[in-house]
Amino acid sequence: MNIKELTDKIVADGVLSQEEYRLFMDHVDADGITDSEEEQQIRRILKMIQRKELKVITPKGTPLQKD
């Protein structure tokens, strides 16, 4: 699975769990180099969080940001 496919899967439900975050970061860090496609997907996730299109869920299961 490439980084775009992984990101598509992660954001599909509008929620970013800690497990998904770790999976994403492990994939990005796997080769020790952040390439342009990985940077693009990082920006995509950050923009979605800023627009409140993607909620970050804490380990206790509560949203990090308020609606």
Foldseek 3Di string as FASTA:
>chain_A
DALVVLLCVQPVVQEHEPVSVVVNVCRCPVVPDRDPVNVVSVVVVVVCVVVSSHFYAYPVGHTPDDD
